[in-house]
Protein backbone atom coordinates (compact mmCIF):
# COMPACT_ATOMS: atom_id res chain seq x y z
CA MET A 1 -53.23 -127.88 116.67
CA ARG A 2 -54.38 -125.77 119.59
CA PRO A 3 -51.91 -123.58 121.49
CA THR A 4 -50.79 -124.88 124.85
CA ARG A 5 -50.06 -123.23 128.15
CA LEU A 6 -47.68 -124.69 130.66
CA PHE A 7 -49.27 -123.07 133.69
CA SER A 8 -52.99 -123.70 133.40
CA ALA A 9 -54.00 -124.02 137.02
CA PHE A 10 -53.78 -120.40 138.10
CA LEU A 11 -53.73 -116.82 136.91
CA LEU A 12 -50.23 -115.38 136.62
CA LEU A 13 -49.86 -111.85 137.92
CA GLY A 14 -46.87 -109.58 137.42
CA ALA A 15 -45.63 -106.06 137.92
CA LEU A 16 -43.99 -104.35 134.97
CA ALA A 17 -40.94 -102.13 135.41
CA ALA A 18 -40.84 -100.70 131.89
CA SER A 19 -37.47 -99.03 132.23
CA ALA A 20 -35.81 -102.35 133.08
CA GLN A 21 -37.58 -104.53 130.49
CA ALA A 22 -36.67 -104.96 126.84
CA GLN A 23 -37.61 -107.65 124.38
CA SER A 24 -34.85 -109.99 123.23
CA GLY A 25 -36.64 -112.41 120.92
CA LEU A 26 -38.06 -112.59 117.40
CA LEU A 27 -40.48 -110.05 116.02
CA ASP A 28 -43.61 -111.91 114.93
CA GLN A 29 -46.55 -109.54 114.37
CA LEU A 30 -46.49 -105.78 113.79
CA SER A 31 -49.40 -103.35 113.90
CA PRO A 32 -47.67 -100.08 113.02
CA LEU A 33 -47.63 -96.75 114.79
CA GLY A 34 -49.80 -94.02 113.29
CA THR A 35 -51.66 -90.87 114.28
CA ALA A 36 -54.77 -92.43 115.85
CA SER A 37 -55.10 -92.22 119.64
CA PHE A 38 -57.06 -94.38 122.08
CA SER A 39 -57.88 -92.94 125.50
CA LEU A 40 -57.66 -95.28 128.48
CA ALA A 41 -59.24 -92.75 130.87
CA SER A 42 -62.30 -94.97 131.35
CA THR A 43 -61.96 -97.88 133.75
CA THR A 44 -64.93 -99.68 132.21
CA ASP A 45 -63.82 -99.81 128.56
CA VAL A 46 -61.98 -103.04 127.72
CA TRP A 47 -59.97 -103.09 124.49
CA GLN A 48 -58.93 -106.28 122.72
CA ALA A 49 -56.51 -106.53 119.81
CA GLN A 50 -56.84 -109.85 117.99
CA VAL A 51 -53.48 -111.29 116.95
CA ARG A 52 -52.71 -114.16 114.58
CA ALA A 53 -49.37 -115.84 115.30
CA GLY A 54 -47.09 -115.94 112.26
CA MET A 55 -44.67 -118.51 113.61
CA SER A 56 -44.57 -121.40 116.05
CA GLY A 57 -42.77 -121.19 119.36
CA ALA A 58 -42.80 -119.81 122.88
CA PHE A 59 -44.52 -116.44 123.24
CA GLU A 60 -42.29 -113.75 124.74
CA GLY A 61 -44.55 -110.71 125.01
CA VAL A 62 -45.95 -107.57 123.43
CA THR A 63 -44.75 -104.00 122.93
CA LEU A 64 -47.41 -101.27 123.16
CA SER A 65 -46.91 -97.66 122.01
CA THR A 66 -48.20 -94.92 124.31
CA GLY A 67 -48.68 -91.25 123.61
CA ALA A 68 -47.23 -88.40 125.63
CA GLY A 69 -48.58 -88.20 129.17
CA ALA A 70 -47.49 -87.97 132.76
CA ALA A 71 -45.01 -90.48 134.11
CA GLY A 72 -46.82 -92.96 136.33
CA GLN A 73 -49.86 -93.33 134.12
CA SER A 74 -50.81 -97.01 134.01
CA PHE A 75 -53.12 -99.52 132.38
CA ALA A 76 -53.88 -103.21 132.75
CA VAL A 77 -52.60 -105.67 130.12
CA ARG A 78 -53.95 -109.23 129.83
CA LEU A 79 -53.50 -112.23 127.57
CA ARG A 80 -56.30 -114.56 126.44
CA LEU A 81 -56.35 -117.44 123.95
CA GLY A 82 -58.71 -117.53 120.99
CA PRO A 83 -60.28 -114.92 118.70
CA GLY A 84 -61.85 -111.67 119.89
CA TRP A 85 -64.25 -110.75 121.41
CA ASN A 86 -62.86 -113.12 124.02
CA THR A 87 -63.88 -114.01 127.57
CA THR A 88 -61.77 -117.15 127.97
CA PRO A 89 -59.66 -117.44 131.15
CA VAL A 90 -56.92 -114.83 131.54
CA LEU A 91 -53.49 -116.44 131.13
CA PHE A 92 -51.46 -113.44 132.19
CA SER A 93 -52.21 -110.06 133.76
CA THR A 94 -50.02 -107.13 134.74
CA THR A 95 -50.04 -103.36 135.07
CA ALA A 96 -47.95 -101.38 132.59
CA VAL A 97 -46.62 -98.06 133.87
CA LYS A 98 -45.28 -95.10 131.88
CA GLN A 99 -41.80 -94.14 133.01
CA SER A 100 -41.63 -90.71 131.34
CA ALA A 101 -43.85 -87.94 130.03
CA VAL A 102 -42.91 -88.46 126.36
CA ALA A 103 -44.39 -90.97 123.91
CA GLU A 104 -43.04 -94.33 124.99
CA ASP A 105 -42.93 -97.99 123.97
CA ILE A 106 -43.66 -100.39 126.83
CA PHE A 107 -42.61 -104.01 126.50
CA VAL A 108 -44.74 -106.43 128.53
CA ASP A 109 -42.79 -109.62 129.22
CA MET A 110 -45.34 -112.48 129.17
CA ARG A 111 -42.97 -115.45 129.30
CA ALA A 112 -44.35 -116.37 132.72
CA ALA A 113 -47.57 -117.43 130.98
CA GLY A 114 -45.68 -120.38 129.50
CA LEU A 115 -47.62 -120.01 126.24
CA THR A 116 -46.56 -122.01 123.19
CA LEU A 117 -48.19 -121.02 119.91
CA ASN A 118 -48.49 -122.57 116.49
CA ALA A 119 -48.55 -120.49 113.31
CA ASN A 120 -52.09 -119.11 112.69
CA ASP A 121 -53.18 -119.50 116.32
CA LEU A 122 -55.35 -116.60 117.46
CA PHE A 123 -55.07 -114.78 120.79
CA VAL A 124 -55.98 -111.36 122.14
CA VAL A 125 -54.01 -108.70 123.95
CA GLU A 126 -56.50 -107.05 126.32
CA ILE A 127 -56.05 -103.53 127.68
CA GLN A 128 -58.06 -101.66 130.31
CA GLY A 129 -57.61 -98.28 131.95
CA THR A 130 -56.82 -98.01 135.65
CA GLY A 131 -58.12 -94.48 136.19
CA ALA A 132 -55.09 -92.58 134.88
CA PRO A 133 -55.66 -90.92 131.47
CA ALA A 134 -53.08 -92.94 129.54
CA VAL A 135 -53.25 -92.93 125.72
CA LEU A 136 -52.35 -95.70 123.29
CA LYS A 137 -51.32 -94.94 119.71
CA GLY A 138 -52.38 -96.71 116.55
CA THR A 139 -53.83 -96.27 113.09
CA HIS A 140 -57.07 -95.54 111.25
CA THR A 141 -57.54 -95.97 107.49
CA ASN A 142 -60.27 -94.74 105.15
CA PRO A 143 -61.69 -96.80 102.28
CA PRO A 144 -60.44 -98.17 99.98
CA THR A 145 -57.17 -98.44 101.93
CA LEU A 146 -57.06 -101.60 104.02
CA PRO A 147 -55.97 -101.48 107.68
CA PRO A 148 -52.21 -102.05 107.99
CA TYR A 149 -52.81 -105.02 110.32
CA PRO A 150 -55.52 -107.43 109.11
CA GLU A 151 -56.88 -108.71 112.43
CA PRO A 152 -59.69 -106.67 114.08
CA MET A 153 -59.84 -104.86 117.40
CA PHE A 154 -62.75 -104.66 119.81
CA ARG A 155 -64.02 -102.42 122.60
CA SER A 156 -66.17 -103.90 125.35
CA GLY A 157 -68.10 -106.29 123.14
CA PRO A 158 -68.23 -108.67 120.19
CA ASN A 159 -68.48 -106.17 117.35
CA CYS A 160 -65.26 -104.78 115.91
CA PHE A 161 -64.59 -101.22 117.05
CA GLU A 162 -66.32 -98.37 115.16
CA ASP A 163 -65.88 -98.93 111.38
CA CYS A 164 -63.46 -101.87 111.81
CA ARG A 165 -60.60 -99.72 110.50
CA TYR A 166 -58.93 -98.79 113.79
CA ARG A 167 -55.89 -100.69 115.08
CA ILE A 168 -53.81 -100.33 118.22
CA ALA A 169 -50.06 -100.18 117.54
CA PHE A 170 -48.23 -103.22 118.86
CA GLN A 171 -45.44 -105.68 118.24
CA THR A 172 -45.54 -109.30 119.38
CA TRP A 173 -42.41 -111.30 120.08
CA MET A 174 -41.43 -114.97 120.20
CA VAL A 175 -38.51 -116.33 122.21
CA GLY A 176 -35.62 -116.62 119.77
CA GLU A 177 -31.96 -116.31 118.89
CA PHE A 178 -31.77 -112.52 118.45
CA THR A 179 -30.74 -110.13 121.23
CA SER A 180 -31.48 -106.40 121.38
CA LEU A 181 -28.91 -104.14 123.04
CA CYS A 182 -27.14 -100.78 122.89
CA PHE A 183 -30.21 -98.67 123.64
CA GLY A 184 -30.29 -94.89 123.49
CA ASP A 185 -32.85 -94.70 126.30
CA GLY A 186 -30.54 -93.51 129.06
CA SER A 187 -29.52 -97.01 130.12
CA GLN A 188 -25.96 -96.74 128.73
CA ALA A 189 -22.95 -95.36 130.58
CA LEU A 190 -22.59 -92.83 127.75
CA ALA A 191 -25.50 -90.42 127.26
CA CYS A 192 -26.96 -89.57 123.86
CA PRO A 193 -24.93 -86.76 122.22
CA CYS A 194 -27.42 -83.96 122.97
CA SER A 195 -29.02 -85.60 126.01
CA ASN A 196 -31.70 -86.72 123.54
CA SER A 197 -32.59 -90.02 125.20
CA GLY A 198 -35.15 -92.10 123.33
CA ALA A 199 -37.96 -94.31 124.58
CA ALA A 200 -37.18 -97.60 126.32
CA GLY A 201 -35.56 -100.13 123.99
CA ARG A 202 -34.92 -97.66 121.16
CA GLY A 203 -32.10 -95.52 119.83
CA CYS A 204 -31.64 -91.88 120.77
CA GLU A 205 -34.50 -89.45 120.13
CA ASN A 206 -34.73 -87.75 116.73
CA SER A 207 -36.07 -84.43 115.48
CA ALA A 208 -39.51 -85.95 114.73
CA SER A 209 -39.96 -86.91 118.41
CA THR A 210 -40.84 -90.52 117.58
CA GLY A 211 -39.02 -91.82 120.66
CA GLY A 212 -36.07 -92.90 118.53
CA ALA A 213 -35.67 -95.74 116.03
CA ARG A 214 -36.12 -99.36 117.05
CA LEU A 215 -34.32 -102.13 115.14
CA SER A 216 -35.67 -105.68 115.42
CA ALA A 217 -35.20 -108.93 113.54
CA SER A 218 -37.47 -111.76 112.49
CA GLY A 219 -37.04 -115.11 110.80
CA ALA A 220 -34.30 -117.63 111.56
CA ALA A 221 -30.53 -117.78 111.21
CA THR A 222 -30.48 -121.38 109.96
CA PRO A 223 -31.49 -121.59 107.19
CA ASP A 224 -31.18 -117.86 106.71
CA SER A 225 -34.58 -116.19 106.56
CA VAL A 226 -33.54 -113.18 108.67
CA GLU A 227 -35.30 -109.88 108.07
CA LEU A 228 -34.32 -106.60 109.71
CA HIS A 229 -37.01 -104.06 110.60
CA THR A 230 -36.87 -100.47 111.80
CA MET A 231 -39.63 -98.22 113.08
CA GLY A 232 -39.62 -94.73 114.59
CA GLU A 233 -37.44 -93.07 111.95
CA LEU A 234 -38.38 -89.91 110.09
CA PRO A 235 -41.15 -90.66 107.58
CA THR A 236 -39.05 -91.10 104.41
CA ALA A 237 -35.55 -91.29 105.86
CA LEU A 238 -32.74 -92.81 103.83
CA THR A 239 -31.71 -95.84 105.90
CA ILE A 240 -28.52 -97.92 105.90
CA PHE A 241 -28.52 -101.33 107.58
CA LEU A 242 -25.08 -101.77 109.11
CA GLN A 243 -23.40 -105.05 110.09
CA GLY A 244 -20.36 -105.40 112.35
CA SER A 245 -18.22 -108.37 113.34
CA SER A 246 -17.91 -107.33 116.99
CA GLN A 247 -19.49 -105.24 119.72
CA ILE A 248 -17.53 -102.21 120.87
CA SER A 249 -17.98 -99.81 123.76
CA VAL A 250 -20.70 -97.32 122.96
CA VAL A 251 -19.47 -94.29 120.99
CA PRO A 252 -21.30 -91.18 119.72
CA PHE A 253 -22.52 -91.56 116.15
CA GLY A 254 -24.36 -88.61 114.64
CA ASP A 255 -27.27 -87.85 116.97
CA GLY A 256 -27.11 -91.37 118.46
CA LEU A 257 -24.93 -94.11 119.90
CA ARG A 258 -23.15 -96.92 118.04
CA CYS A 259 -21.83 -100.17 119.50
CA THR A 260 -21.50 -102.13 116.24
CA GLY A 261 -17.83 -102.43 115.38
CA GLY A 262 -15.07 -104.58 113.94
CA LEU A 263 -15.42 -105.29 110.23
CA LEU A 264 -18.26 -102.99 109.18
CA LYS A 265 -20.45 -103.65 106.12
CA ARG A 266 -23.28 -101.53 104.76
CA LEU A 267 -25.64 -104.35 103.85
CA TYR A 268 -28.67 -102.55 102.44
CA VAL A 269 -29.75 -99.01 101.63
CA LYS A 270 -33.51 -98.40 101.84
CA SER A 271 -35.94 -95.50 102.14
CA ALA A 272 -38.34 -95.54 105.07
CA VAL A 273 -42.08 -95.57 104.48
CA GLY A 274 -44.02 -94.03 107.34
CA GLY A 275 -40.85 -94.07 109.44
CA ALA A 276 -40.27 -97.82 108.93
CA ALA A 277 -37.75 -99.66 106.76
CA ASN A 278 -37.19 -103.36 106.12
CA ALA A 279 -34.42 -105.46 104.58
CA PRO A 280 -33.90 -107.66 102.74
CA LEU A 281 -36.91 -107.11 100.50
CA ALA A 282 -38.14 -109.44 97.75
CA GLY A 283 -35.35 -109.78 95.20
CA ASP A 284 -32.58 -108.81 97.65
CA PRO A 285 -29.86 -111.27 98.66
CA SER A 286 -30.29 -112.78 102.13
CA VAL A 287 -28.34 -111.22 104.98
CA SER A 288 -25.71 -113.97 104.97
CA ALA A 289 -25.41 -113.93 101.16
CA GLN A 290 -25.06 -110.15 101.10
CA SER A 291 -22.44 -110.28 103.85
CA ALA A 292 -20.44 -112.90 101.92
CA SER A 293 -20.65 -110.86 98.71
CA LEU A 294 -19.21 -107.87 100.60
CA GLY A 295 -16.24 -109.90 101.86
CA ASP A 296 -17.48 -111.12 105.24
CA PRO A 297 -18.70 -114.74 105.01
CA ILE A 298 -20.55 -115.68 108.21
CA ALA A 299 -19.44 -118.99 109.72
CA SER A 300 -21.89 -121.11 111.70
CA GLY A 301 -21.54 -120.50 115.43
CA THR A 302 -20.39 -116.89 115.06
CA SER A 303 -22.24 -113.65 115.81
CA ARG A 304 -22.80 -110.38 114.01
CA TRP A 305 -24.15 -107.06 115.28
CA TYR A 306 -26.61 -104.84 113.40
CA GLN A 307 -27.80 -101.25 113.59
CA ALA A 308 -29.67 -98.99 111.18
CA TYR A 309 -28.59 -95.40 110.71
CA TYR A 310 -30.83 -92.92 108.98
CA ARG A 311 -31.00 -89.36 107.70
CA ASP A 312 -32.23 -86.64 110.07
CA ALA A 313 -31.46 -83.39 108.29
CA ASN A 314 -32.70 -81.05 111.02
CA GLN A 315 -29.40 -79.34 111.86
CA SER A 316 -30.88 -77.42 114.78
CA PHE A 317 -32.07 -80.55 116.63
CA CYS A 318 -28.64 -81.80 117.70
CA PRO A 319 -26.21 -79.39 116.02
CA ALA A 320 -22.60 -80.07 115.08
CA PRO A 321 -20.07 -80.62 116.44
CA THR A 322 -21.99 -82.51 119.13
CA GLY A 323 -24.46 -84.07 116.70
CA SER A 324 -24.95 -84.25 112.96
CA THR A 325 -27.62 -84.86 110.30
CA TYR A 326 -28.16 -88.56 110.96
CA ASN A 327 -29.18 -90.83 113.82
CA ILE A 328 -29.05 -94.55 114.59
CA SER A 329 -31.21 -97.29 116.09
CA ASN A 330 -30.49 -99.67 118.92
CA ALA A 331 -28.44 -102.76 118.03
CA VAL A 332 -29.42 -106.39 117.47
CA ARG A 333 -27.01 -109.34 117.87
CA ILE A 334 -27.68 -112.39 115.71
CA ASP A 335 -26.06 -115.66 116.65
CA TRP A 336 -25.48 -117.52 113.42
């Protein structure tokens, strides 16, 4: 079945205020952050990242990872249906603007496109420079290692870029039942313990200058197929996925901010790989089963709050007593 769009008669234009936008839906596709950089200084180069939808539903938007650069740097972001290289009509177009000089995640809310996707539908996220030397981050792999995201990327034409092993870092989101909150990006009434604000939509900054850890969720609450994902931690950080029965006012927690409270359960302990950790993994109990086994059965119609805290042993980054040797992500609420 082909994807549908609810507004097909005209091009939808928008202006992005990155500091005020944050995704609230389900993580669908992830092309991870790495050390590769893609310059958007040229206004003639057009980049396309091909994306294959992993689930059916309404498309919410895309998060793009930028490198350090002056606040105010901008680039055009567009959405097209079908595989790349793609010149089909533009469904959505906006200008993304960096809000700070540090590396930053920018969420582009594309709900106005009214796009409904089916699993395995292909679309492209198109990016073009506007004259400011913005930089996108991503990955490059050498043989025999496969690219971490299987779908190709293109630059200004139908052949995949360079050796077909480059990928732009992105996350795509579907409208869903999960809500992100409790950010360490300066949007809370309480500042990060050492004034170490993270990038938009993440936890407080860490000693590796990743922009802070981002926690997201994918899957569905009923039946339980929920998976929790972090990115932006230290490369091999010990990570604890924390569940709480209520949301509390933000309090300092290590080098970050915690708003998960009530009955607290340490659901899973994992080690990050490349700064990312996931739970549950194959062989682990589901989130609801693990919660029940720890003494907190989750009733239908109730909510739980989740954060991931992780080791950051650099004692000079945010020293005690203000900080500590651990940090924490933003929070995610799941309505069961």
